[in-house]
Every structure is written in structure tokens, then in C-alpha cells.
Amino acid sequence: MKKVLFLAVAAMSLSLASCDSKKEDAAEAQGTAVKDAGEAKADALENKADAVRDSADKKGEAIGDAADAKDPK
């Protein structure tokens, strides 16, 4: 009898542990929103960094071209 009772209690514990509560769902949603916002911010920063790199490359090329134009051949 004790074994049956123990197994029944164990089964009920596992079934209750697997259920999501509204509080848990809200916390997970909040965590997902924070993660998504962080990723969007990181993407924006990467785009700015790419723009700065492209600008620096263009300026460097322009300076190099100007130096080449002044070089007597």
C-alpha cells in the first residue's frame, strides 16, 4: 500500500511541476522581450559600426587617391 501511495504522490508531483503558471509565463515573456530589445540594440550598434568603417575606408581611399594624383610619374 505504501508503494502505491508513494507512486501516486510522485506522479502527482511530476504532473504539477510540469504545469506553467501565469506568473511563470509572464516572467518568460518579459525575459524574451528584454532579450529581443538587447538584440535589436546590438544590431543597431553593429550597423553604426559598419557605417563608420565604410566612411573611414572611403576617406582613406580618397586620401590615397589624392596622394597618387600628386605623385609625379
N, C-alpha and C. Protein backbone atom coordinates (compact mmCIF):
# COMPACT_ATOMS: atom_id res chain seq x y z
N MET A 1 0.82 -1.20 0.00
CA MET A 1 0.00 0.00 0.00
C MET A 1 0.86 1.26 0.00
N LYS A 2 1.97 1.21 0.75
CA LYS A 2 2.85 2.38 0.81
C LYS A 2 3.46 2.67 -0.56
N LYS A 3 3.80 1.61 -1.28
CA LYS A 3 4.39 1.79 -2.61
C LYS A 3 3.40 2.46 -3.56
N VAL A 4 2.17 2.04 -3.51
CA VAL A 4 1.13 2.61 -4.38
C VAL A 4 0.91 4.08 -4.03
N LEU A 5 0.85 4.37 -2.74
CA LEU A 5 0.66 5.75 -2.29
C LEU A 5 1.85 6.62 -2.70
N PHE A 6 3.06 6.08 -2.52
CA PHE A 6 4.26 6.81 -2.90
C PHE A 6 4.28 7.09 -4.40
N LEU A 7 3.96 6.11 -5.20
CA LEU A 7 3.92 6.29 -6.66
C LEU A 7 2.86 7.29 -7.08
N ALA A 8 1.71 7.26 -6.41
CA ALA A 8 0.65 8.22 -6.73
C ALA A 8 1.08 9.64 -6.40
N VAL A 9 1.71 9.82 -5.23
CA VAL A 9 2.20 11.15 -4.83
C VAL A 9 3.29 11.62 -5.79
N ALA A 10 4.18 10.72 -6.17
CA ALA A 10 5.25 11.08 -7.11
C ALA A 10 4.68 11.48 -8.46
N ALA A 11 3.69 10.75 -8.94
CA ALA A 11 3.07 11.07 -10.22
C ALA A 11 2.37 12.42 -10.17
N MET A 12 1.69 12.70 -9.08
CA MET A 12 1.01 14.00 -8.94
C MET A 12 2.02 15.14 -8.87
N SER A 13 3.12 14.90 -8.17
CA SER A 13 4.15 15.93 -8.06
C SER A 13 4.74 16.27 -9.41
N LEU A 14 5.02 15.24 -10.20
CA LEU A 14 5.58 15.47 -11.53
C LEU A 14 4.59 16.17 -12.44
N SER A 15 3.34 15.81 -12.35
CA SER A 15 2.35 16.44 -13.22
C SER A 15 2.13 17.90 -12.84
N LEU A 16 2.19 18.22 -11.57
CA LEU A 16 2.03 19.60 -11.15
C LEU A 16 3.27 20.43 -11.47
N ALA A 17 4.42 19.80 -11.39
CA ALA A 17 5.67 20.52 -11.67
C ALA A 17 5.77 20.89 -13.15
N SER A 18 5.13 20.14 -14.01
CA SER A 18 5.23 20.42 -15.44
C SER A 18 4.27 21.50 -15.91
N CYS A 19 3.34 21.93 -15.08
CA CYS A 19 2.37 22.95 -15.46
C CYS A 19 3.00 24.34 -15.35
N ASP A 20 2.71 25.19 -16.32
CA ASP A 20 3.16 26.57 -16.28
C ASP A 20 2.12 27.42 -15.58
N SER A 21 2.59 28.34 -14.81
CA SER A 21 1.66 29.26 -14.17
C SER A 21 1.65 30.57 -14.96
N LYS A 22 0.66 31.39 -14.72
CA LYS A 22 0.59 32.69 -15.41
C LYS A 22 1.78 33.56 -15.03
N LYS A 23 2.20 33.44 -13.77
CA LYS A 23 3.35 34.22 -13.30
C LYS A 23 4.62 33.79 -14.03
N GLU A 24 4.79 32.49 -14.20
CA GLU A 24 5.96 31.99 -14.91
C GLU A 24 5.93 32.40 -16.38
N ASP A 25 4.76 32.31 -17.00
CA ASP A 25 4.62 32.72 -18.39
C ASP A 25 4.93 34.20 -18.57
N ALA A 26 4.49 35.02 -17.62
CA ALA A 26 4.76 36.46 -17.69
C ALA A 26 6.25 36.73 -17.55
N ALA A 27 6.91 36.01 -16.65
CA ALA A 27 8.34 36.19 -16.46
C ALA A 27 9.11 35.78 -17.72
N GLU A 28 8.69 34.68 -18.33
CA GLU A 28 9.33 34.24 -19.56
C GLU A 28 9.12 35.24 -20.69
N ALA A 29 7.92 35.79 -20.78
CA ALA A 29 7.63 36.80 -21.81
C ALA A 29 8.47 38.05 -21.59
N GLN A 30 8.62 38.44 -20.33
CA GLN A 30 9.44 39.61 -20.02
C GLN A 30 10.90 39.35 -20.38
N GLY A 31 11.39 38.17 -20.06
CA GLY A 31 12.76 37.80 -20.41
C GLY A 31 12.98 37.81 -21.92
N THR A 32 12.02 37.30 -22.65
CA THR A 32 12.12 37.29 -24.11
C THR A 32 12.12 38.71 -24.66
N ALA A 33 11.29 39.58 -24.08
CA ALA A 33 11.24 40.96 -24.54
C ALA A 33 12.56 41.67 -24.28
N VAL A 34 13.16 41.43 -23.12
CA VAL A 34 14.45 42.04 -22.79
C VAL A 34 15.52 41.54 -23.75
N LYS A 35 15.52 40.24 -24.02
CA LYS A 35 16.49 39.67 -24.94
C LYS A 35 16.32 40.26 -26.34
N ASP A 36 15.09 40.35 -26.81
CA ASP A 36 14.82 40.90 -28.14
C ASP A 36 15.26 42.36 -28.23
N ALA A 37 14.99 43.13 -27.18
CA ALA A 37 15.40 44.54 -27.18
C ALA A 37 16.92 44.65 -27.20
N GLY A 38 17.59 43.81 -26.45
CA GLY A 38 19.05 43.81 -26.44
C GLY A 38 19.62 43.46 -27.80
N GLU A 39 19.01 42.47 -28.45
CA GLU A 39 19.49 42.08 -29.77
C GLU A 39 19.26 43.18 -30.79
N ALA A 40 18.13 43.88 -30.69
CA ALA A 40 17.85 44.98 -31.61
C ALA A 40 18.86 46.10 -31.41
N LYS A 41 19.19 46.38 -30.14
CA LYS A 41 20.18 47.42 -29.84
C LYS A 41 21.55 47.02 -30.37
N ALA A 42 21.91 45.76 -30.20
CA ALA A 42 23.19 45.27 -30.71
C ALA A 42 23.24 45.37 -32.24
N ASP A 43 22.14 45.03 -32.90
CA ASP A 43 22.09 45.14 -34.36
C ASP A 43 22.26 46.59 -34.80
N ALA A 44 21.61 47.51 -34.09
CA ALA A 44 21.74 48.92 -34.43
C ALA A 44 23.18 49.40 -34.26
N LEU A 45 23.83 48.96 -33.18
CA LEU A 45 25.22 49.35 -32.96
C LEU A 45 26.14 48.76 -34.03
N GLU A 46 25.87 47.53 -34.43
CA GLU A 46 26.67 46.92 -35.50
C GLU A 46 26.49 47.68 -36.81
N ASN A 47 25.27 48.13 -37.10
CA ASN A 47 25.03 48.90 -38.32
C ASN A 47 25.77 50.23 -38.27
N LYS A 48 25.78 50.87 -37.10
CA LYS A 48 26.54 52.13 -36.96
C LYS A 48 28.04 51.89 -37.15
N ALA A 49 28.53 50.80 -36.57
CA ALA A 49 29.95 50.48 -36.71
C ALA A 49 30.30 50.22 -38.17
N ASP A 50 29.44 49.52 -38.87
CA ASP A 50 29.68 49.28 -40.30
C ASP A 50 29.71 50.60 -41.08
N ALA A 51 28.82 51.52 -40.74
CA ALA A 51 28.78 52.81 -41.42
C ALA A 51 30.06 53.60 -41.15
N VAL A 52 30.54 53.55 -39.92
CA VAL A 52 31.79 54.25 -39.58
C VAL A 52 32.96 53.63 -40.33
N ARG A 53 33.01 52.30 -40.38
CA ARG A 53 34.08 51.62 -41.12
C ARG A 53 34.05 52.00 -42.60
N ASP A 54 32.85 52.00 -43.18
CA ASP A 54 32.72 52.34 -44.60
C ASP A 54 33.17 53.77 -44.85
N SER A 55 32.78 54.67 -43.96
CA SER A 55 33.17 56.08 -44.09
C SER A 55 34.69 56.23 -44.00
N ALA A 56 35.29 55.54 -43.03
CA ALA A 56 36.74 55.61 -42.87
C ALA A 56 37.45 55.02 -44.09
N ASP A 57 36.91 53.93 -44.62
CA ASP A 57 37.51 53.33 -45.82
C ASP A 57 37.45 54.31 -46.99
N LYS A 58 36.32 54.97 -47.17
CA LYS A 58 36.17 55.93 -48.27
C LYS A 58 37.13 57.11 -48.10
N LYS A 59 37.24 57.61 -46.87
CA LYS A 59 38.17 58.73 -46.62
C LYS A 59 39.60 58.30 -46.87
N GLY A 60 39.95 57.10 -46.43
CA GLY A 60 41.31 56.59 -46.65
C GLY A 60 41.60 56.43 -48.13
N GLU A 61 40.64 55.91 -48.86
CA GLU A 61 40.81 55.76 -50.31
C GLU A 61 40.97 57.12 -50.98
N ALA A 62 40.18 58.09 -50.54
CA ALA A 62 40.26 59.43 -51.13
C ALA A 62 41.62 60.06 -50.87
N ILE A 63 42.13 59.89 -49.67
CA ILE A 63 43.45 60.44 -49.34
C ILE A 63 44.53 59.73 -50.17
N GLY A 64 44.41 58.41 -50.28
CA GLY A 64 45.36 57.66 -51.10
C GLY A 64 45.31 58.07 -52.56
N ASP A 65 44.10 58.28 -53.08
CA ASP A 65 43.95 58.69 -54.47
C ASP A 65 44.56 60.08 -54.69
N ALA A 66 44.33 60.96 -53.72
CA ALA A 66 44.89 62.33 -53.83
C ALA A 66 46.42 62.28 -53.80
N ALA A 67 46.97 61.42 -52.95
CA ALA A 67 48.43 61.28 -52.90
C ALA A 67 48.96 60.71 -54.20
N ASP A 68 48.26 59.74 -54.76
CA ASP A 68 48.68 59.15 -56.03
C ASP A 68 48.63 60.19 -57.16
N ALA A 69 47.62 61.06 -57.11
CA ALA A 69 47.47 62.08 -58.15
C ALA A 69 48.64 63.08 -58.09
N LYS A 70 49.18 63.33 -56.91
CA LYS A 70 50.27 64.30 -56.77
C LYS A 70 51.63 63.68 -57.08
N ASP A 71 51.69 62.36 -57.13
CA ASP A 71 52.96 61.67 -57.33
C ASP A 71 53.38 61.80 -58.80
N PRO A 72 54.51 62.43 -59.05
CA PRO A 72 54.98 62.54 -60.43
C PRO A 72 55.46 61.18 -60.94
N LYS A 73 55.10 60.88 -62.15
CA LYS A 73 55.48 59.58 -62.71
C LYS A 73 56.50 59.73 -63.78
